[in-house]
Amino acid sequence: MQYSKERRFRRFNLEIPVSLSFSAEGQTRLLRTKSKNVSIGGLLLRTSDQVPLHTPVNLTMQVQGPLYHRPVQLVGEGEVVRIERSESDSCFAIAIECKHPIKQLGILT
């Protein structure tokens, strides 16, 4: 599979907490990591755990910043479309393409 450099959505270099859940070997796994960049159509994660290519995933992100008094929770579901192993350490860059645009679930109290 060849990776296309063209993007449908603008990417933002944001490092925010991401919870990723997926099925592996008959069990649901939860992976807590951080994003490297995010768009409404997907995101790139950096993690020490590998997630198999084409794995369906559910993701939750919590965004908090100077414009928000309380964290905003964003959710999405998608598929792992690319995995790259870092040459400098034992981490992976995992690209996730979302089935639908990432949406806001609510404001956390």
C-alpha atoms as a PDB file:
ATOM      1  CA  MET A   1       0.000   0.000   0.000  1.00  0.00           C
ATOM      2  CA  GLN A   2       1.377   3.374  -0.974  1.00  0.00           C
ATOM      3  CA  TYR A   3       0.809   6.323   1.358  1.00  0.00           C
ATOM      4  CA  SER A   4      -0.582   9.463  -0.281  1.00  0.00           C
ATOM      5  CA  LYS A   5       0.757  12.851   0.808  1.00  0.00           C
ATOM      6  CA  GLU A   6      -2.530  14.534  -0.159  1.00  0.00           C
ATOM      7  CA  ARG A   7      -4.819  15.228   2.770  1.00  0.00           C
ATOM      8  CA  ARG A   8      -8.543  15.865   2.778  1.00  0.00           C
ATOM      9  CA  PHE A   9      -8.460  17.698   6.118  1.00  0.00           C
ATOM     10  CA  ARG A  10      -6.076  20.229   7.612  1.00  0.00           C
ATOM     11  CA  ARG A  11      -3.773  18.739  10.270  1.00  0.00           C
ATOM     12  CA  PHE A  12      -2.847  20.485  13.494  1.00  0.00           C
ATOM     13  CA  ASN A  13       0.311  19.682  15.447  1.00  0.00           C
ATOM     14  CA  LEU A  14      -1.373  18.940  18.777  1.00  0.00           C
ATOM     15  CA  GLU A  15      -0.039  16.761  21.551  1.00  0.00           C
ATOM     16  CA  ILE A  16      -3.118  15.828  23.565  1.00  0.00           C
ATOM     17  CA  PRO A  17      -4.026  12.752  25.620  1.00  0.00           C
ATOM     18  CA  VAL A  18      -5.727   9.997  23.608  1.00  0.00           C
ATOM     19  CA  SER A  19      -7.397   6.816  24.881  1.00  0.00           C
ATOM     20  CA  LEU A  20      -7.567   4.148  22.203  1.00  0.00           C
ATOM     21  CA  SER A  21      -9.622   0.973  22.586  1.00  0.00           C
ATOM     22  CA  PHE A  22      -9.519  -1.996  20.224  1.00  0.00           C
ATOM     23  CA  SER A  23      -9.927  -5.768  20.164  1.00  0.00           C
ATOM     24  CA  ALA A  24      -6.850  -7.978  20.119  1.00  0.00           C
ATOM     25  CA  GLU A  25      -6.756 -11.721  20.624  1.00  0.00           C
ATOM     26  CA  GLY A  26     -10.376 -11.773  21.807  1.00  0.00           C
ATOM     27  CA  GLN A  27      -9.884  -9.080  24.455  1.00  0.00           C
ATOM     28  CA  THR A  28     -10.566  -5.370  24.515  1.00  0.00           C
ATOM     29  CA  ARG A  29      -7.350  -3.409  24.997  1.00  0.00           C
ATOM     30  CA  LEU A  30      -7.065   0.166  26.196  1.00  0.00           C
ATOM     31  CA  LEU A  31      -4.045   2.184  25.166  1.00  0.00           C
ATOM     32  CA  ARG A  32      -3.343   5.614  26.657  1.00  0.00           C
ATOM     33  CA  THR A  33      -1.020   7.742  24.563  1.00  0.00           C
ATOM     34  CA  LYS A  34      -0.604  11.201  23.022  1.00  0.00           C
ATOM     35  CA  SER A  35      -1.299  12.531  19.577  1.00  0.00           C
ATOM     36  CA  LYS A  36       1.373  14.039  17.344  1.00  0.00           C
ATOM     37  CA  ASN A  37      -1.114  15.686  15.005  1.00  0.00           C
ATOM     38  CA  VAL A  38      -4.889  15.745  14.633  1.00  0.00           C
ATOM     39  CA  SER A  39      -7.495  16.534  11.978  1.00  0.00           C
ATOM     40  CA  ILE A  40     -11.241  15.935  11.941  1.00  0.00           C
ATOM     41  CA  GLY A  41     -10.554  12.955   9.661  1.00  0.00           C
ATOM     42  CA  GLY A  42      -7.837  11.226  11.674  1.00  0.00           C
ATOM     43  CA  LEU A  43      -4.752  11.504  13.809  1.00  0.00           C
ATOM     44  CA  LEU A  44      -1.184  10.369  14.245  1.00  0.00           C
ATOM     45  CA  LEU A  45      -0.178   8.800  17.565  1.00  0.00           C
ATOM     46  CA  ARG A  46       3.192   8.079  19.109  1.00  0.00           C
ATOM     47  CA  THR A  47       3.214   5.020  21.332  1.00  0.00           C
ATOM     48  CA  SER A  48       5.447   2.256  22.618  1.00  0.00           C
ATOM     49  CA  ASP A  49       2.715  -0.332  21.859  1.00  0.00           C
ATOM     50  CA  GLN A  50       2.064  -1.584  18.361  1.00  0.00           C
ATOM     51  CA  VAL A  51      -1.512  -1.858  17.087  1.00  0.00           C
ATOM     52  CA  PRO A  52      -1.954  -4.158  14.074  1.00  0.00           C
ATOM     53  CA  LEU A  53      -2.574  -2.595  10.670  1.00  0.00           C
ATOM     54  CA  HIS A  54      -6.284  -2.360   9.676  1.00  0.00           C
ATOM     55  CA  THR A  55      -7.421  -2.748  13.309  1.00  0.00           C
ATOM     56  CA  PRO A  56     -10.739  -0.967  14.004  1.00  0.00           C
ATOM     57  CA  VAL A  57     -10.338   1.440  16.940  1.00  0.00           C
ATOM     58  CA  ASN A  58     -12.419   3.761  19.122  1.00  0.00           C
ATOM     59  CA  LEU A  59     -10.716   6.885  20.378  1.00  0.00           C
ATOM     60  CA  THR A  60     -11.367   9.533  22.984  1.00  0.00           C
ATOM     61  CA  MET A  61      -9.402  12.765  23.341  1.00  0.00           C
ATOM     62  CA  GLN A  62      -9.588  15.396  26.033  1.00  0.00           C
ATOM     63  CA  VAL A  63      -8.795  18.930  24.926  1.00  0.00           C
ATOM     64  CA  GLN A  64      -8.128  21.641  27.451  1.00  0.00           C
ATOM     65  CA  GLY A  65      -6.646  25.022  26.815  1.00  0.00           C
ATOM     66  CA  PRO A  66      -6.856  28.715  27.594  1.00  0.00           C
ATOM     67  CA  LEU A  67     -10.160  29.121  25.715  1.00  0.00           C
ATOM     68  CA  TYR A  68     -11.866  26.301  27.630  1.00  0.00           C
ATOM     69  CA  HIS A  69     -12.719  26.499  31.309  1.00  0.00           C
ATOM     70  CA  ARG A  70     -13.380  22.749  31.376  1.00  0.00           C
ATOM     71  CA  PRO A  71     -11.962  19.940  29.245  1.00  0.00           C
ATOM     72  CA  VAL A  72     -13.825  19.063  26.044  1.00  0.00           C
ATOM     73  CA  GLN A  73     -14.140  15.391  25.153  1.00  0.00           C
ATOM     74  CA  LEU A  74     -13.792  14.427  21.478  1.00  0.00           C
ATOM     75  CA  VAL A  75     -14.628  10.963  20.162  1.00  0.00           C
ATOM     76  CA  GLY A  76     -14.167   9.047  16.941  1.00  0.00           C
ATOM     77  CA  GLU A  77     -13.874   5.613  15.455  1.00  0.00           C
ATOM     78  CA  GLY A  78     -11.601   4.519  12.697  1.00  0.00           C
ATOM     79  CA  GLU A  79      -8.942   2.141  11.478  1.00  0.00           C
ATOM     80  CA  VAL A  80      -5.165   1.902  11.733  1.00  0.00           C
ATOM     81  CA  VAL A  81      -3.929   2.733   8.222  1.00  0.00           C
ATOM     82  CA  ARG A  82      -0.179   3.103   8.745  1.00  0.00           C
ATOM     83  CA  ILE A  83       2.476   2.051  11.261  1.00  0.00           C
ATOM     84  CA  GLU A  84       6.063   3.285  11.323  1.00  0.00           C
ATOM     85  CA  ARG A  85       8.723   2.148  13.760  1.00  0.00           C
ATOM     86  CA  SER A  86      11.012   4.866  15.091  1.00  0.00           C
ATOM     87  CA  GLU A  87      14.682   4.375  14.307  1.00  0.00           C
ATOM     88  CA  SER A  88      15.819   6.313  17.385  1.00  0.00           C
ATOM     89  CA  ASP A  89      13.776   4.470  20.045  1.00  0.00           C
ATOM     90  CA  SER A  90      11.310   1.606  20.447  1.00  0.00           C
ATOM     91  CA  CYS A  91       8.212   3.690  19.695  1.00  0.00           C
ATOM     92  CA  PHE A  92       5.714   3.540  16.844  1.00  0.00           C
ATOM     93  CA  ALA A  93       3.904   6.238  14.887  1.00  0.00           C
ATOM     94  CA  ILE A  94       0.374   4.988  14.258  1.00  0.00           C
ATOM     95  CA  ALA A  95      -1.897   6.732  11.741  1.00  0.00           C
ATOM     96  CA  ILE A  96      -5.640   6.372  12.254  1.00  0.00           C
ATOM     97  CA  GLU A  97      -8.208   7.279   9.616  1.00  0.00           C
ATOM     98  CA  CYS A  98     -11.651   8.004  11.054  1.00  0.00           C
ATOM     99  CA  LYS A  99     -14.831   6.608   9.524  1.00  0.00           C
ATOM    100  CA  HIS A 100     -16.640   9.878  10.283  1.00  0.00           C
ATOM    101  CA  PRO A 101     -15.302  13.281  11.340  1.00  0.00           C
ATOM    102  CA  ILE A 102     -14.189  13.465  14.975  1.00  0.00           C
ATOM    103  CA  LYS A 103     -16.953  15.047  17.034  1.00  0.00           C
ATOM    104  CA  GLN A 104     -17.399  16.640  20.426  1.00  0.00           C
ATOM    105  CA  LEU A 105     -19.078  14.369  22.946  1.00  0.00           C
ATOM    106  CA  GLY A 106     -19.407  16.946  25.689  1.00  0.00           C
ATOM    107  CA  ILE A 107     -17.798  19.248  28.190  1.00  0.00           C
ATOM    108  CA  LEU A 108     -16.384  17.450  31.202  1.00  0.00           C
ATOM    109  CA  THR A 109     -17.163  18.691  34.670  1.00  0.00           C
END
